[in-house]
N, C-alpha and C. Protein backbone atom coordinates (compact mmCIF):
# COMPACT_ATOMS: atom_id res chain seq x y z
N MET A 1 9.15 30.24 49.42
CA MET A 1 9.81 28.98 49.08
C MET A 1 8.89 27.79 49.34
N LYS A 2 8.14 27.86 50.48
CA LYS A 2 7.22 26.77 50.82
C LYS A 2 6.16 26.60 49.74
N LEU A 3 5.62 27.77 49.28
CA LEU A 3 4.56 27.76 48.28
C LEU A 3 5.06 27.12 46.99
N ARG A 4 6.30 27.46 46.64
CA ARG A 4 6.88 26.90 45.42
C ARG A 4 6.99 25.38 45.53
N LYS A 5 7.44 24.90 46.69
CA LYS A 5 7.56 23.45 46.89
C LYS A 5 6.21 22.76 46.76
N TYR A 6 5.17 23.37 47.38
CA TYR A 6 3.84 22.78 47.29
C TYR A 6 3.34 22.76 45.85
N SER A 7 3.62 23.84 45.12
CA SER A 7 3.18 23.91 43.72
C SER A 7 3.83 22.82 42.90
N ILE A 8 5.12 22.61 43.12
CA ILE A 8 5.84 21.58 42.37
C ILE A 8 5.31 20.19 42.73
N VAL A 9 5.08 19.96 44.03
CA VAL A 9 4.54 18.66 44.46
C VAL A 9 3.17 18.42 43.83
N LEU A 10 2.30 19.46 43.86
CA LEU A 10 0.97 19.31 43.27
C LEU A 10 1.06 19.06 41.77
N LEU A 11 1.96 19.79 41.10
CA LEU A 11 2.12 19.62 39.67
C LEU A 11 2.57 18.19 39.33
N LEU A 12 3.52 17.68 40.10
CA LEU A 12 3.97 16.30 39.88
C LEU A 12 2.86 15.30 40.13
N ALA A 13 2.05 15.57 41.14
CA ALA A 13 0.93 14.66 41.44
C ALA A 13 -0.07 14.63 40.29
N PHE A 14 -0.40 15.82 39.76
CA PHE A 14 -1.35 15.86 38.66
C PHE A 14 -0.75 15.28 37.38
N ASN A 15 0.55 15.48 37.20
CA ASN A 15 1.22 14.88 36.05
C ASN A 15 1.14 13.35 36.13
N GLN A 16 1.34 12.81 37.33
CA GLN A 16 1.24 11.36 37.53
C GLN A 16 -0.19 10.90 37.28
N ALA A 17 -1.15 11.71 37.71
CA ALA A 17 -2.56 11.36 37.48
C ALA A 17 -2.85 11.32 35.99
N ALA A 18 -2.28 12.30 35.26
CA ALA A 18 -2.48 12.33 33.81
C ALA A 18 -1.89 11.09 33.15
N LEU A 19 -0.69 10.70 33.60
CA LEU A 19 -0.05 9.52 33.03
C LEU A 19 -0.84 8.26 33.36
N SER A 20 -1.42 8.22 34.56
CA SER A 20 -2.16 7.03 34.93
C SER A 20 -3.42 6.85 34.10
N GLN A 21 -3.88 7.95 33.48
CA GLN A 21 -5.02 7.85 32.57
C GLN A 21 -4.65 7.05 31.33
N GLY A 22 -3.33 6.91 31.06
CA GLY A 22 -2.86 6.26 29.85
C GLY A 22 -2.86 4.75 29.91
N THR A 23 -3.61 4.14 30.82
CA THR A 23 -3.72 2.69 30.83
C THR A 23 -4.35 2.25 29.51
N LEU A 24 -3.96 1.09 29.03
CA LEU A 24 -4.38 0.64 27.71
C LEU A 24 -5.82 0.15 27.71
N ILE A 25 -6.52 0.44 26.62
CA ILE A 25 -7.87 -0.10 26.39
C ILE A 25 -7.71 -1.22 25.37
N PHE A 26 -7.91 -2.46 25.80
CA PHE A 26 -7.78 -3.59 24.88
C PHE A 26 -9.08 -3.78 24.12
N ASP A 27 -8.95 -3.90 22.81
CA ASP A 27 -10.11 -4.17 21.96
C ASP A 27 -10.13 -5.66 21.62
N GLN A 28 -9.27 -6.08 20.70
CA GLN A 28 -9.22 -7.48 20.29
C GLN A 28 -7.97 -8.14 20.86
N GLN A 29 -8.08 -9.43 21.16
CA GLN A 29 -6.94 -10.18 21.69
C GLN A 29 -7.20 -11.67 21.51
N SER A 30 -6.13 -12.39 21.26
CA SER A 30 -6.28 -13.85 21.18
C SER A 30 -6.22 -14.46 22.58
N SER A 31 -5.57 -13.75 23.51
CA SER A 31 -5.47 -14.20 24.89
C SER A 31 -5.12 -13.00 25.76
N SER A 32 -5.57 -13.01 27.00
CA SER A 32 -5.26 -11.89 27.91
C SER A 32 -4.10 -12.20 28.84
N ASP A 33 -3.54 -13.43 28.77
CA ASP A 33 -2.45 -13.74 29.69
C ASP A 33 -1.21 -12.94 29.31
N GLU A 34 -0.55 -12.38 30.31
CA GLU A 34 0.64 -11.56 30.07
C GLU A 34 1.90 -12.26 30.57
N PHE A 35 1.85 -13.59 30.71
CA PHE A 35 3.04 -14.32 31.15
C PHE A 35 4.15 -14.15 30.14
N VAL A 36 5.38 -14.05 30.64
CA VAL A 36 6.54 -13.93 29.76
C VAL A 36 6.72 -15.24 29.00
N PRO A 37 6.93 -15.19 27.68
CA PRO A 37 7.01 -16.43 26.90
C PRO A 37 8.31 -17.19 27.15
N ASP A 38 8.28 -18.47 26.80
CA ASP A 38 9.50 -19.29 26.86
C ASP A 38 10.36 -19.01 25.64
N TYR A 39 11.60 -19.46 25.70
CA TYR A 39 12.44 -19.45 24.52
C TYR A 39 11.99 -20.56 23.57
N GLY A 40 12.50 -20.53 22.35
CA GLY A 40 12.22 -21.61 21.42
C GLY A 40 10.92 -21.45 20.66
N LEU A 41 10.35 -20.23 20.65
CA LEU A 41 9.16 -19.99 19.85
C LEU A 41 9.55 -20.02 18.37
N GLY A 42 8.55 -20.26 17.50
CA GLY A 42 8.83 -20.35 16.07
C GLY A 42 9.50 -19.10 15.51
N ASN A 43 10.55 -19.28 14.71
CA ASN A 43 11.30 -18.17 14.13
C ASN A 43 10.49 -17.54 13.00
N ILE A 44 10.09 -16.29 13.16
CA ILE A 44 9.19 -15.68 12.19
C ILE A 44 9.87 -15.39 10.85
N GLN A 45 11.21 -15.30 10.82
CA GLN A 45 11.88 -15.09 9.54
C GLN A 45 11.81 -16.33 8.64
N GLN A 46 11.44 -17.47 9.22
CA GLN A 46 11.36 -18.71 8.44
C GLN A 46 9.92 -19.03 8.02
N MET A 47 8.97 -18.15 8.33
CA MET A 47 7.58 -18.42 7.99
C MET A 47 7.32 -18.03 6.53
N PRO A 48 6.49 -18.82 5.82
CA PRO A 48 6.21 -18.52 4.40
C PRO A 48 5.40 -17.23 4.26
N LEU A 49 5.84 -16.38 3.34
CA LEU A 49 5.19 -15.08 3.10
C LEU A 49 4.01 -15.24 2.15
N PRO A 50 3.01 -14.34 2.19
CA PRO A 50 2.79 -13.37 3.26
C PRO A 50 2.17 -14.05 4.49
N TRP A 51 2.47 -13.52 5.65
CA TRP A 51 1.98 -14.12 6.88
C TRP A 51 1.59 -13.01 7.86
N GLY A 52 0.88 -13.37 8.90
CA GLY A 52 0.48 -12.40 9.92
C GLY A 52 -0.67 -12.93 10.74
N GLN A 53 -1.37 -12.00 11.39
CA GLN A 53 -2.53 -12.34 12.21
C GLN A 53 -3.67 -11.43 11.81
N SER A 54 -4.81 -12.01 11.47
CA SER A 54 -5.98 -11.19 11.16
C SER A 54 -6.79 -10.93 12.43
N PHE A 55 -7.48 -9.79 12.45
CA PHE A 55 -8.35 -9.45 13.58
C PHE A 55 -9.48 -8.57 13.07
N THR A 56 -10.56 -8.53 13.82
CA THR A 56 -11.73 -7.74 13.44
C THR A 56 -12.04 -6.78 14.58
N PRO A 57 -11.69 -5.48 14.43
CA PRO A 57 -11.87 -4.54 15.54
C PRO A 57 -13.32 -4.21 15.83
N ALA A 58 -13.59 -3.89 17.09
CA ALA A 58 -14.89 -3.35 17.49
C ALA A 58 -14.79 -1.85 17.69
N LEU A 59 -13.57 -1.33 17.91
CA LEU A 59 -13.34 0.09 18.11
C LEU A 59 -12.92 0.75 16.80
N PRO A 60 -13.14 2.07 16.65
CA PRO A 60 -12.87 2.74 15.37
C PRO A 60 -11.42 3.19 15.17
N GLY A 61 -10.47 2.65 15.94
CA GLY A 61 -9.08 3.05 15.77
C GLY A 61 -8.16 2.12 16.53
N ILE A 62 -6.85 2.28 16.28
CA ILE A 62 -5.84 1.46 16.95
C ILE A 62 -4.62 2.32 17.25
N ASP A 63 -4.08 2.18 18.47
CA ASP A 63 -2.88 2.90 18.90
C ASP A 63 -1.69 1.97 19.12
N PHE A 64 -1.96 0.71 19.47
CA PHE A 64 -0.87 -0.19 19.85
C PHE A 64 -1.20 -1.64 19.52
N ILE A 65 -0.15 -2.45 19.47
CA ILE A 65 -0.26 -3.89 19.27
C ILE A 65 0.75 -4.54 20.21
N ARG A 66 0.40 -5.67 20.79
CA ARG A 66 1.34 -6.46 21.59
C ARG A 66 1.44 -7.86 21.02
N PHE A 67 2.66 -8.41 21.02
CA PHE A 67 2.89 -9.81 20.69
C PHE A 67 3.77 -10.42 21.77
N LYS A 68 3.73 -11.75 21.90
CA LYS A 68 4.68 -12.46 22.77
C LYS A 68 5.88 -12.82 21.90
N MET A 69 7.07 -12.37 22.31
CA MET A 69 8.26 -12.59 21.49
C MET A 69 9.44 -13.03 22.34
N SER A 70 10.36 -13.72 21.69
CA SER A 70 11.62 -14.08 22.35
C SER A 70 12.73 -14.11 21.31
N ASP A 71 13.96 -14.07 21.80
CA ASP A 71 15.13 -14.20 20.94
C ASP A 71 15.21 -15.64 20.47
N ALA A 72 15.07 -15.85 19.15
CA ALA A 72 15.08 -17.22 18.62
C ALA A 72 16.45 -17.61 18.07
N SER A 73 17.43 -16.72 18.22
CA SER A 73 18.76 -17.02 17.68
C SER A 73 19.81 -16.40 18.59
N ALA A 74 20.17 -17.11 19.64
CA ALA A 74 21.08 -16.58 20.66
C ALA A 74 22.46 -16.24 20.11
N SER A 75 22.83 -16.81 18.96
CA SER A 75 24.16 -16.56 18.41
C SER A 75 24.23 -15.29 17.57
N GLU A 76 23.10 -14.72 17.23
CA GLU A 76 23.07 -13.52 16.37
C GLU A 76 22.87 -12.27 17.22
N GLY A 77 23.12 -11.11 16.62
CA GLY A 77 22.98 -9.85 17.32
C GLY A 77 21.53 -9.43 17.48
N PRO A 78 21.30 -8.30 18.18
CA PRO A 78 19.93 -7.82 18.37
C PRO A 78 19.31 -7.35 17.06
N VAL A 79 18.01 -7.39 17.00
CA VAL A 79 17.28 -6.93 15.81
C VAL A 79 16.21 -5.92 16.25
N SER A 80 15.67 -5.22 15.26
CA SER A 80 14.53 -4.34 15.50
C SER A 80 13.30 -4.94 14.85
N VAL A 81 12.18 -4.82 15.52
CA VAL A 81 10.91 -5.33 15.00
C VAL A 81 9.91 -4.19 14.96
N TYR A 82 9.17 -4.09 13.86
CA TYR A 82 8.04 -3.17 13.78
C TYR A 82 6.87 -3.93 13.20
N VAL A 83 5.68 -3.37 13.28
CA VAL A 83 4.48 -4.07 12.81
C VAL A 83 3.75 -3.21 11.79
N ASN A 84 3.46 -3.81 10.64
CA ASN A 84 2.61 -3.17 9.64
C ASN A 84 1.15 -3.54 9.91
N LEU A 85 0.28 -2.56 9.74
CA LEU A 85 -1.16 -2.80 9.78
C LEU A 85 -1.64 -2.80 8.33
N VAL A 86 -2.23 -3.91 7.92
CA VAL A 86 -2.56 -4.13 6.51
C VAL A 86 -4.08 -4.26 6.36
N SER A 87 -4.62 -3.68 5.28
CA SER A 87 -6.06 -3.80 5.03
C SER A 87 -6.30 -4.49 3.69
N GLY A 88 -7.50 -5.04 3.54
CA GLY A 88 -7.89 -5.68 2.29
C GLY A 88 -7.61 -7.17 2.25
N SER A 89 -6.37 -7.56 2.50
CA SER A 89 -5.96 -8.96 2.54
C SER A 89 -4.62 -9.01 3.26
N VAL A 90 -4.12 -10.22 3.52
CA VAL A 90 -2.85 -10.35 4.22
C VAL A 90 -1.69 -9.76 3.40
N SER A 91 -1.88 -9.65 2.09
CA SER A 91 -0.87 -9.03 1.23
C SER A 91 -1.37 -7.70 0.67
N GLY A 92 -2.30 -7.06 1.39
CA GLY A 92 -2.94 -5.84 0.91
C GLY A 92 -2.14 -4.58 1.16
N THR A 93 -2.84 -3.49 1.38
CA THR A 93 -2.24 -2.16 1.53
C THR A 93 -1.86 -1.90 2.98
N VAL A 94 -0.62 -1.44 3.18
CA VAL A 94 -0.18 -1.05 4.53
C VAL A 94 -0.79 0.31 4.85
N ILE A 95 -1.59 0.37 5.93
CA ILE A 95 -2.24 1.63 6.30
C ILE A 95 -1.64 2.26 7.55
N GLY A 96 -0.71 1.56 8.19
CA GLY A 96 -0.04 2.10 9.37
C GLY A 96 1.16 1.25 9.72
N THR A 97 2.18 1.90 10.31
CA THR A 97 3.39 1.20 10.74
C THR A 97 3.77 1.69 12.13
N THR A 98 4.07 0.77 13.03
CA THR A 98 4.43 1.13 14.40
C THR A 98 5.89 1.56 14.46
N ALA A 99 6.26 2.15 15.59
CA ALA A 99 7.67 2.38 15.88
C ALA A 99 8.33 1.03 16.12
N SER A 100 9.65 0.99 15.92
CA SER A 100 10.40 -0.25 16.11
C SER A 100 10.67 -0.52 17.59
N VAL A 101 10.79 -1.79 17.93
CA VAL A 101 11.17 -2.24 19.26
C VAL A 101 12.40 -3.12 19.11
N SER A 102 13.40 -2.92 19.96
CA SER A 102 14.61 -3.73 19.91
C SER A 102 14.40 -5.06 20.63
N VAL A 103 14.76 -6.14 19.95
CA VAL A 103 14.68 -7.48 20.55
C VAL A 103 16.12 -8.00 20.60
N GLY A 104 16.75 -7.87 21.76
CA GLY A 104 18.15 -8.22 21.92
C GLY A 104 18.36 -9.67 22.28
N GLN A 105 19.63 -10.04 22.41
CA GLN A 105 19.97 -11.41 22.76
C GLN A 105 19.40 -11.74 24.15
N GLY A 106 18.76 -12.89 24.23
CA GLY A 106 18.16 -13.33 25.49
C GLY A 106 16.83 -12.69 25.79
N TYR A 107 16.26 -11.93 24.84
CA TYR A 107 14.99 -11.23 25.10
C TYR A 107 13.84 -12.22 25.24
N ARG A 108 12.96 -11.95 26.20
CA ARG A 108 11.67 -12.63 26.34
C ARG A 108 10.69 -11.61 26.87
N GLY A 109 9.56 -11.41 26.20
CA GLY A 109 8.60 -10.44 26.72
C GLY A 109 7.41 -10.25 25.80
N ASN A 110 6.58 -9.28 26.18
CA ASN A 110 5.37 -8.93 25.43
C ASN A 110 5.46 -7.47 25.01
N PRO A 111 6.31 -7.16 24.03
CA PRO A 111 6.54 -5.75 23.69
C PRO A 111 5.29 -5.08 23.16
N THR A 112 5.17 -3.79 23.47
CA THR A 112 4.07 -2.97 22.97
C THR A 112 4.58 -2.14 21.80
N PHE A 113 3.99 -2.32 20.64
CA PHE A 113 4.33 -1.58 19.43
C PHE A 113 3.33 -0.44 19.28
N LEU A 114 3.84 0.79 19.25
CA LEU A 114 2.97 1.98 19.22
C LEU A 114 2.96 2.62 17.83
N PHE A 115 1.77 2.98 17.37
CA PHE A 115 1.65 3.79 16.16
C PHE A 115 1.92 5.25 16.52
N PRO A 116 2.51 6.03 15.61
CA PRO A 116 2.77 7.45 15.90
C PRO A 116 1.50 8.23 16.22
N THR A 117 0.42 7.91 15.53
CA THR A 117 -0.90 8.50 15.78
C THR A 117 -1.94 7.39 15.66
N THR A 118 -3.13 7.65 16.18
CA THR A 118 -4.21 6.65 16.07
C THR A 118 -4.53 6.39 14.61
N VAL A 119 -4.56 5.11 14.23
CA VAL A 119 -4.93 4.73 12.86
C VAL A 119 -6.43 4.43 12.85
N PRO A 120 -7.22 5.14 12.02
CA PRO A 120 -8.66 4.88 11.97
C PRO A 120 -8.94 3.49 11.40
N LEU A 121 -9.92 2.80 12.00
CA LEU A 121 -10.34 1.48 11.54
C LEU A 121 -11.85 1.46 11.34
N MET A 122 -12.31 0.55 10.51
CA MET A 122 -13.75 0.35 10.32
C MET A 122 -14.17 -0.85 11.17
N PRO A 123 -14.91 -0.61 12.27
CA PRO A 123 -15.34 -1.74 13.11
C PRO A 123 -16.06 -2.81 12.29
N GLY A 124 -15.77 -4.07 12.56
CA GLY A 124 -16.40 -5.18 11.87
C GLY A 124 -15.70 -5.59 10.59
N THR A 125 -14.62 -4.88 10.23
CA THR A 125 -13.86 -5.20 9.01
C THR A 125 -12.54 -5.88 9.40
N ALA A 126 -12.14 -6.89 8.65
CA ALA A 126 -10.90 -7.62 8.97
C ALA A 126 -9.67 -6.79 8.58
N TYR A 127 -8.67 -6.81 9.45
CA TYR A 127 -7.35 -6.21 9.20
C TYR A 127 -6.30 -7.25 9.55
N TYR A 128 -5.06 -6.96 9.18
CA TYR A 128 -3.97 -7.93 9.33
C TYR A 128 -2.77 -7.26 10.00
N LEU A 129 -2.15 -7.98 10.94
CA LEU A 129 -0.96 -7.51 11.65
C LEU A 129 0.23 -8.28 11.10
N GLU A 130 1.25 -7.53 10.63
CA GLU A 130 2.40 -8.15 9.97
C GLU A 130 3.70 -7.68 10.63
N PRO A 131 4.24 -8.46 11.59
CA PRO A 131 5.53 -8.09 12.19
C PRO A 131 6.66 -8.19 11.16
N MET A 132 7.55 -7.22 11.17
CA MET A 132 8.69 -7.16 10.25
C MET A 132 9.97 -7.07 11.06
N VAL A 133 10.98 -7.83 10.67
CA VAL A 133 12.25 -7.88 11.39
C VAL A 133 13.34 -7.19 10.58
N GLN A 134 14.12 -6.32 11.24
CA GLN A 134 15.28 -5.68 10.62
C GLN A 134 16.52 -6.20 11.34
N GLY A 135 17.41 -6.88 10.61
CA GLY A 135 18.60 -7.46 11.21
C GLY A 135 18.67 -8.93 10.91
N ILE A 136 19.76 -9.57 11.35
CA ILE A 136 19.97 -10.98 10.98
C ILE A 136 19.64 -11.94 12.12
N GLY A 137 19.31 -11.43 13.28
CA GLY A 137 18.95 -12.31 14.39
C GLY A 137 17.58 -12.91 14.19
N GLY A 138 17.26 -13.95 14.95
CA GLY A 138 15.95 -14.60 14.85
C GLY A 138 15.01 -14.11 15.94
N VAL A 139 13.73 -13.99 15.58
CA VAL A 139 12.71 -13.57 16.54
C VAL A 139 11.62 -14.63 16.56
N GLY A 140 11.30 -15.12 17.76
CA GLY A 140 10.24 -16.10 17.91
C GLY A 140 8.96 -15.45 18.40
N MET A 141 7.81 -15.97 17.94
CA MET A 141 6.51 -15.45 18.37
C MET A 141 5.63 -16.59 18.86
N ALA A 142 4.93 -16.35 19.97
CA ALA A 142 4.02 -17.36 20.52
C ALA A 142 2.79 -17.51 19.64
N SER A 143 2.40 -18.74 19.41
CA SER A 143 1.17 -19.04 18.68
C SER A 143 0.57 -20.31 19.26
N GLY A 144 -0.69 -20.54 18.95
CA GLY A 144 -1.33 -21.74 19.47
C GLY A 144 -2.82 -21.72 19.21
N PRO A 145 -3.55 -22.70 19.70
CA PRO A 145 -5.00 -22.79 19.49
C PRO A 145 -5.75 -21.87 20.46
N TYR A 146 -5.59 -20.55 20.29
CA TYR A 146 -6.25 -19.60 21.19
C TYR A 146 -7.74 -19.45 20.89
N ASN A 147 -8.17 -19.93 19.72
CA ASN A 147 -9.60 -19.89 19.33
C ASN A 147 -10.14 -18.47 19.28
N TYR A 148 -9.34 -17.53 18.78
CA TYR A 148 -9.82 -16.16 18.60
C TYR A 148 -10.86 -16.14 17.48
N ALA A 149 -12.06 -15.65 17.78
CA ALA A 149 -13.18 -15.73 16.83
C ALA A 149 -13.10 -14.71 15.70
N GLY A 150 -12.32 -13.62 15.89
CA GLY A 150 -12.32 -12.55 14.90
C GLY A 150 -11.23 -12.64 13.85
N GLY A 151 -10.49 -13.76 13.80
CA GLY A 151 -9.42 -13.89 12.82
C GLY A 151 -8.61 -15.13 13.09
N SER A 152 -7.43 -15.21 12.46
CA SER A 152 -6.56 -16.37 12.64
C SER A 152 -5.16 -16.02 12.20
N ALA A 153 -4.23 -16.94 12.45
CA ALA A 153 -2.90 -16.81 11.90
C ALA A 153 -2.98 -17.05 10.39
N TRP A 154 -2.11 -16.37 9.65
CA TRP A 154 -2.00 -16.57 8.20
C TRP A 154 -0.56 -16.95 7.88
N LEU A 155 -0.38 -17.98 7.06
CA LEU A 155 0.94 -18.43 6.64
C LEU A 155 0.91 -18.68 5.14
N GLY A 156 1.88 -18.11 4.41
CA GLY A 156 1.94 -18.30 2.97
C GLY A 156 0.70 -17.83 2.24
N GLY A 157 0.03 -16.80 2.79
CA GLY A 157 -1.16 -16.23 2.15
C GLY A 157 -2.45 -16.95 2.44
N SER A 158 -2.41 -17.99 3.29
CA SER A 158 -3.63 -18.75 3.61
C SER A 158 -3.87 -18.74 5.12
N PRO A 159 -5.15 -18.75 5.52
CA PRO A 159 -5.44 -18.77 6.96
C PRO A 159 -5.15 -20.13 7.57
N ASN A 160 -4.62 -20.11 8.79
CA ASN A 160 -4.44 -21.32 9.58
C ASN A 160 -5.51 -21.27 10.66
N LEU A 161 -6.68 -21.80 10.37
CA LEU A 161 -7.84 -21.62 11.23
C LEU A 161 -7.70 -22.29 12.59
N ALA A 162 -6.74 -23.21 12.73
CA ALA A 162 -6.55 -23.90 14.00
C ALA A 162 -5.61 -23.15 14.93
N SER A 163 -5.08 -22.00 14.49
CA SER A 163 -4.04 -21.33 15.28
C SER A 163 -4.16 -19.81 15.20
N ASP A 164 -3.68 -19.16 16.23
CA ASP A 164 -3.55 -17.70 16.28
C ASP A 164 -2.19 -17.37 16.87
N PHE A 165 -1.65 -16.22 16.48
CA PHE A 165 -0.52 -15.68 17.22
C PHE A 165 -1.07 -15.00 18.47
N TRP A 166 -0.31 -15.04 19.56
CA TRP A 166 -0.72 -14.30 20.75
C TRP A 166 -0.62 -12.82 20.43
N PHE A 167 -1.73 -12.10 20.58
CA PHE A 167 -1.71 -10.66 20.33
C PHE A 167 -2.76 -9.96 21.16
N ARG A 168 -2.55 -8.68 21.38
CA ARG A 168 -3.54 -7.79 21.99
C ARG A 168 -3.41 -6.46 21.26
N GLU A 169 -4.54 -5.80 21.01
CA GLU A 169 -4.48 -4.49 20.34
C GLU A 169 -5.56 -3.60 20.92
N GLY A 170 -5.37 -2.28 20.74
CA GLY A 170 -6.38 -1.36 21.24
C GLY A 170 -5.93 0.09 21.21
N LEU A 171 -6.46 0.86 22.15
CA LEU A 171 -6.25 2.30 22.20
C LEU A 171 -5.59 2.73 23.50
N VAL A 172 -4.90 3.86 23.44
CA VAL A 172 -4.35 4.50 24.64
C VAL A 172 -5.20 5.75 24.89
N PRO A 173 -5.96 5.80 25.99
CA PRO A 173 -6.85 6.95 26.22
C PRO A 173 -6.06 8.22 26.50
N GLU A 174 -6.64 9.35 26.12
CA GLU A 174 -6.04 10.65 26.41
C GLU A 174 -6.24 10.97 27.89
N PRO A 175 -5.33 11.79 28.49
CA PRO A 175 -5.56 12.25 29.86
C PRO A 175 -6.87 13.04 29.92
N SER A 176 -7.55 13.00 31.05
CA SER A 176 -8.82 13.71 31.16
C SER A 176 -8.60 15.22 31.09
N CYS A 177 -9.59 15.93 30.58
CA CYS A 177 -9.51 17.39 30.45
C CYS A 177 -9.31 18.06 31.81
N ALA A 178 -9.96 17.55 32.84
CA ALA A 178 -9.85 18.16 34.17
C ALA A 178 -8.41 18.12 34.66
N VAL A 179 -7.76 16.97 34.48
CA VAL A 179 -6.37 16.84 34.92
C VAL A 179 -5.48 17.82 34.18
N LEU A 180 -5.68 17.93 32.86
CA LEU A 180 -4.86 18.85 32.07
C LEU A 180 -5.11 20.30 32.46
N LEU A 181 -6.35 20.66 32.73
CA LEU A 181 -6.66 22.05 33.13
C LEU A 181 -6.03 22.40 34.47
N ILE A 182 -6.10 21.49 35.43
CA ILE A 182 -5.52 21.76 36.75
C ILE A 182 -4.00 21.87 36.65
N ALA A 183 -3.39 20.95 35.87
CA ALA A 183 -1.94 21.01 35.69
C ALA A 183 -1.53 22.31 35.03
N GLY A 184 -2.30 22.77 34.03
CA GLY A 184 -2.01 24.03 33.35
C GLY A 184 -2.15 25.22 34.29
N ALA A 185 -3.18 25.21 35.14
CA ALA A 185 -3.38 26.30 36.09
C ALA A 185 -2.23 26.36 37.08
N LEU A 186 -1.76 25.20 37.54
CA LEU A 186 -0.62 25.18 38.46
C LEU A 186 0.64 25.72 37.80
N LEU A 187 0.86 25.37 36.56
CA LEU A 187 2.01 25.89 35.83
C LEU A 187 1.93 27.41 35.69
N ALA A 188 0.76 27.91 35.34
CA ALA A 188 0.58 29.36 35.18
C ALA A 188 0.79 30.08 36.51
N PHE A 189 0.26 29.51 37.58
CA PHE A 189 0.43 30.12 38.91
C PHE A 189 1.90 30.19 39.28
N GLU A 190 2.62 29.09 39.07
CA GLU A 190 4.04 29.05 39.42
C GLU A 190 4.85 30.02 38.57
N ALA A 191 4.53 30.11 37.28
CA ALA A 191 5.24 31.05 36.39
C ALA A 191 4.99 32.49 36.83
N ARG A 192 3.76 32.79 37.19
CA ARG A 192 3.41 34.15 37.63
C ARG A 192 4.13 34.49 38.94
N ARG A 193 4.15 33.53 39.88
CA ARG A 193 4.81 33.75 41.16
C ARG A 193 6.31 33.98 40.97
N LEU A 194 6.92 33.20 40.08
CA LEU A 194 8.35 33.37 39.82
C LEU A 194 8.63 34.73 39.17
N GLY A 195 7.69 35.16 38.29
CA GLY A 195 7.85 36.48 37.65
C GLY A 195 7.79 37.61 38.67
N ARG A 196 6.88 37.50 39.65
CA ARG A 196 6.76 38.52 40.70
C ARG A 196 8.03 38.54 41.55
N THR A 197 8.56 37.36 41.88
CA THR A 197 9.76 37.27 42.71
C THR A 197 10.95 37.94 42.01
N LYS A 198 11.06 37.74 40.69
CA LYS A 198 12.15 38.33 39.92
C LYS A 198 12.09 39.84 39.93
N ASN A 199 10.88 40.40 39.87
CA ASN A 199 10.71 41.85 39.78
C ASN A 199 10.88 42.55 41.12
N GLU A 200 10.88 41.81 42.20
CA GLU A 200 11.01 42.43 43.53
C GLU A 200 12.45 42.79 43.83
């Protein structure tokens, strides 16, 4: 029984170590501050289409995007937001879409939008981030003169060179092979021990 407890404790420890490997690798960002945004940010449903934020990656792929968002319409119900990754131009081809994030009444935060799998990118080429809202509530996004050198905010199909939306994007690293091997060995040991106990 003692051995089993130790095995479970070790397995949990290595599982936690594997998860801790999943810290985000930021590639491009207009700002690194993670302060929670204020209410009253510009309502993105009222922005002239097509709109978004351009960026120029240095890494060959993307796993996630972050924006600063708040509930811009306290009288309406919650909405879902997802982000399209667009290539070619702000109205170009959608090459990836993140999972949706719920933005409820009173929401303020920096949600992380995850792609189902890593989307390959060409370093040094401009891409566009296009948040999309599902529902009738309003969603506000932080923007300002962040002076991001690799792109800008786009409104009505034209760049707004004096402004950027607050964003961060990058990759989620895989757990290290060593951690996965040790966790697998512990699982195999525990399964074998339980099998022996059953047969006795």
